Amino acid sequence: MRPRTVSCRDAGRTLFSVAVAACALALAAACDPVSAPLVSHTAAFQPVDDGGLVVWPGQDCPGVQKIRVEIEEAEDQPRDIWVLRSERKSGAMFTGLTLGEIPDRFEVSREWSDGLSWSDAKTVVIGVFTDGGQSFSYASVDIMLDDADEHAEDEYYVENEGWFTQDEFRALVADDEGIAPLCGPGTPAS
């Protein structure tokens, strides 16, 4: 049996066909209209002088049924969990909270268990749940507290982004920089 010989022209056509198919596949994957762009849905955190922590979701969030706040000593190891539920089945408007203070139209369904201060934790995580979905955000406590004294009272810490006033945060969202509010219209928890 003699091996088949392939002309250079045939090999070139085969290589060209493979290259065209690979490019077409790459373009189809890159232009997939079903895939959503990578967006970080985030809350903004603000340490306050009395030792409290204010959490602002970035916009008003209607229909919130549950808010869950976790204080973690190590990654994915909750030390304390605080859960709030809407007083109504249809959910309530969530505009922000101060840890330990119950927002209007919510009630506590799980109390803090051992009184660990958020400022002694590694991470604070907030989750917001609606009929439409859920969304989570977090803040690294050490990073936030290290920078807090250098920022004005009206600035909030946004993980991996820095410090912003509410208006600056809204402008960042409007500029479509891959940042979006934690919940509300246009988010997974809407």
Protein backbone atom coordinates (compact mmCIF):
# COMPACT_ATOMS: atom_id res chain seq x y z
CA MET A 1 0.00 0.00 0.00
CA ARG A 2 1.42 3.33 -1.03
CA PRO A 3 0.84 6.38 1.11
CA ARG A 4 -1.41 8.97 -0.47
CA THR A 5 0.30 12.10 -1.59
CA VAL A 6 -1.28 15.47 -0.90
CA SER A 7 -0.47 18.45 -2.99
CA CYS A 8 0.50 21.74 -1.36
CA ARG A 9 -2.61 23.31 -2.87
CA ASP A 10 -4.89 20.72 -1.20
CA ALA A 11 -3.12 21.16 2.13
CA GLY A 12 -3.49 24.94 1.83
CA ARG A 13 -7.21 24.66 1.14
CA THR A 14 -7.68 22.39 4.15
CA LEU A 15 -5.72 24.72 6.41
CA PHE A 16 -7.65 27.73 5.09
CA SER A 17 -10.99 25.95 5.67
CA VAL A 18 -10.01 25.08 9.26
CA ALA A 19 -8.87 28.66 9.90
CA VAL A 20 -12.11 30.12 8.51
CA ALA A 21 -14.20 27.73 10.61
CA ALA A 22 -12.22 28.60 13.76
CA CYS A 23 -12.64 32.35 13.13
CA ALA A 24 -16.36 31.95 12.50
CA LEU A 25 -16.76 29.97 15.72
CA ALA A 26 -14.77 32.56 17.70
CA LEU A 27 -16.84 35.42 16.27
CA ALA A 28 -20.10 33.62 17.01
CA ALA A 29 -19.07 33.07 20.63
CA ALA A 30 -17.90 36.67 21.04
CA CYS A 31 -21.13 38.09 19.60
CA ASP A 32 -23.48 35.83 21.50
CA PRO A 33 -26.55 38.04 22.04
CA VAL A 34 -27.81 35.74 24.80
CA SER A 35 -24.78 36.20 27.05
CA ALA A 36 -25.04 39.17 29.37
CA PRO A 37 -22.05 41.45 29.84
CA LEU A 38 -20.06 40.96 33.02
CA VAL A 39 -21.52 43.35 35.57
CA SER A 40 -20.84 43.65 39.28
CA HIS A 41 -24.01 44.30 41.27
CA THR A 42 -22.78 46.00 44.38
CA ALA A 43 -23.84 47.74 47.54
CA ALA A 44 -22.02 50.68 49.08
CA PHE A 45 -20.88 50.57 52.71
CA GLN A 46 -20.29 53.50 55.06
CA PRO A 47 -18.76 53.19 58.53
CA VAL A 48 -20.25 55.84 60.83
CA ASP A 49 -18.80 57.56 63.89
CA ASP A 50 -20.94 55.71 66.43
CA GLY A 51 -19.50 52.36 65.30
CA GLY A 52 -22.38 51.50 63.00
CA LEU A 53 -22.30 50.47 59.37
CA VAL A 54 -24.68 51.89 56.78
CA VAL A 55 -25.42 49.77 53.71
CA TRP A 56 -26.85 51.53 50.64
CA PRO A 57 -28.03 49.36 47.71
CA GLY A 58 -27.32 52.02 45.07
CA GLN A 59 -30.97 52.71 44.26
CA ASP A 60 -34.40 52.08 45.73
CA CYS A 61 -35.30 48.40 45.55
CA PRO A 62 -39.02 47.57 45.43
CA GLY A 63 -40.45 44.15 46.24
CA VAL A 64 -37.66 42.99 48.56
CA GLN A 65 -38.84 39.98 50.54
CA LYS A 66 -35.70 39.18 52.51
CA ILE A 67 -32.40 40.82 53.46
CA ARG A 68 -29.60 38.67 54.82
CA VAL A 69 -26.47 40.14 56.38
CA GLU A 70 -23.53 37.90 57.24
CA ILE A 71 -20.48 38.78 59.25
CA GLU A 72 -17.65 36.44 58.25
CA GLU A 73 -14.45 35.77 60.19
CA ALA A 74 -12.97 33.94 57.21
CA GLU A 75 -14.08 33.57 53.60
CA ASP A 76 -17.38 31.68 53.33
CA GLN A 77 -17.47 31.07 57.09
CA PRO A 78 -20.36 33.07 58.55
CA ARG A 79 -19.86 33.93 62.19
CA ASP A 80 -23.14 35.71 62.61
CA ILE A 81 -26.19 36.09 60.40
CA TRP A 82 -29.00 38.64 60.61
CA VAL A 83 -32.12 38.07 58.51
CA LEU A 84 -34.93 40.54 57.88
CA ARG A 85 -38.20 39.68 56.13
CA SER A 86 -40.80 41.94 54.62
CA GLU A 87 -43.97 42.34 56.64
CA ARG A 88 -45.90 41.90 53.36
CA LYS A 89 -45.91 38.93 50.98
CA SER A 90 -45.42 41.28 48.04
CA GLY A 91 -42.19 42.59 49.55
CA ALA A 92 -41.17 46.04 50.71
CA MET A 93 -39.15 48.97 49.45
CA PHE A 94 -35.50 48.68 50.53
CA THR A 95 -33.57 51.94 50.44
CA GLY A 96 -30.72 51.00 52.77
CA LEU A 97 -30.05 50.10 56.37
CA THR A 98 -27.79 50.55 59.33
CA LEU A 99 -26.70 47.22 60.79
CA GLY A 100 -28.82 46.43 63.83
CA GLU A 101 -31.61 48.86 62.89
CA ILE A 102 -34.70 47.42 61.24
CA PRO A 103 -35.80 49.25 58.07
CA ASP A 104 -39.45 50.28 57.68
CA ARG A 105 -41.78 47.45 56.65
CA PHE A 106 -39.31 44.72 57.64
CA GLU A 107 -39.14 42.49 60.70
CA VAL A 108 -36.35 40.38 62.16
CA SER A 109 -36.64 36.67 61.37
CA ARG A 110 -33.16 35.80 62.66
CA GLU A 111 -31.37 37.85 65.31
CA TRP A 112 -27.64 38.32 65.60
CA SER A 113 -26.47 35.37 67.67
CA ASP A 114 -23.40 36.36 69.62
CA GLY A 115 -22.92 40.08 69.30
CA LEU A 116 -19.80 40.02 67.14
CA SER A 117 -19.08 43.52 65.95
CA TRP A 118 -18.94 43.97 62.19
CA SER A 119 -15.69 45.91 62.63
CA ASP A 120 -14.00 42.80 64.09
CA ALA A 121 -14.96 40.69 61.07
CA LYS A 122 -13.07 39.95 57.88
CA THR A 123 -16.05 40.50 55.58
CA VAL A 124 -19.60 41.83 55.68
CA VAL A 125 -21.92 40.25 53.08
CA ILE A 126 -25.42 41.45 52.20
CA GLY A 127 -27.95 39.48 50.18
CA VAL A 128 -31.24 40.87 48.85
CA PHE A 129 -34.02 38.50 47.75
CA THR A 130 -37.08 39.28 45.61
CA ASP A 131 -39.55 37.24 43.55
CA GLY A 132 -37.38 38.08 40.53
CA GLY A 133 -34.10 36.81 41.96
CA GLN A 134 -31.34 37.55 44.40
CA SER A 135 -28.17 39.58 44.53
CA PHE A 136 -25.20 39.70 46.89
CA SER A 137 -22.44 42.15 47.67
CA TYR A 138 -19.65 42.32 50.22
CA ALA A 139 -17.07 44.60 51.78
CA SER A 140 -13.62 43.65 53.07
CA VAL A 141 -13.69 45.20 56.52
CA ASP A 142 -9.93 45.77 56.92
CA ILE A 143 -9.62 47.58 53.59
CA MET A 144 -12.71 49.68 54.27
CA LEU A 145 -11.61 50.67 57.78
CA ASP A 146 -8.00 51.39 56.72
CA ASP A 147 -9.29 53.99 54.25
CA ALA A 148 -12.32 55.32 56.15
CA ASP A 149 -10.58 58.21 57.93
CA GLU A 150 -9.40 59.63 54.59
CA HIS A 151 -12.94 60.02 53.23
CA ALA A 152 -15.79 62.44 53.83
CA GLU A 153 -18.87 61.48 55.81
CA ASP A 154 -20.98 61.35 52.65
CA GLU A 155 -18.75 58.80 50.87
CA TYR A 156 -19.41 55.08 50.66
CA TYR A 157 -16.98 52.21 50.12
CA VAL A 158 -17.59 50.01 47.07
CA GLU A 159 -15.51 46.81 47.04
CA ASN A 160 -12.82 46.77 44.33
CA GLU A 161 -13.84 50.26 43.19
CA GLY A 162 -13.10 52.73 45.97
CA TRP A 163 -15.03 55.50 47.69
CA PHE A 164 -17.95 57.43 46.17
CA THR A 165 -20.69 59.82 47.13
CA GLN A 166 -24.16 58.64 46.14
CA ASP A 167 -24.09 60.97 43.13
CA GLU A 168 -20.66 59.70 42.04
CA PHE A 169 -21.88 56.12 42.35
CA ARG A 170 -24.94 56.89 40.23
CA ALA A 171 -22.66 58.51 37.62
CA LEU A 172 -20.43 55.41 37.64
CA VAL A 173 -23.49 53.22 37.03
CA ALA A 174 -24.75 55.57 34.30
CA ASP A 175 -21.35 55.40 32.54
CA ASP A 176 -21.88 51.64 32.18
CA GLU A 177 -18.51 50.80 33.73
CA GLY A 178 -19.53 47.25 34.65
CA ILE A 179 -20.97 48.43 37.97
CA ALA A 180 -24.66 48.22 38.83
CA PRO A 181 -26.75 48.71 41.97
CA LEU A 182 -27.26 45.71 44.24
CA CYS A 183 -30.97 45.47 43.59
CA GLY A 184 -33.93 47.18 41.97
CA PRO A 185 -34.86 47.73 38.32
CA GLY A 186 -32.40 46.20 35.85
CA THR A 187 -30.75 43.85 38.38
CA PRO A 188 -31.09 40.14 39.19
CA ALA A 189 -32.98 41.12 42.39
CA SER A 190 -35.68 43.17 40.71
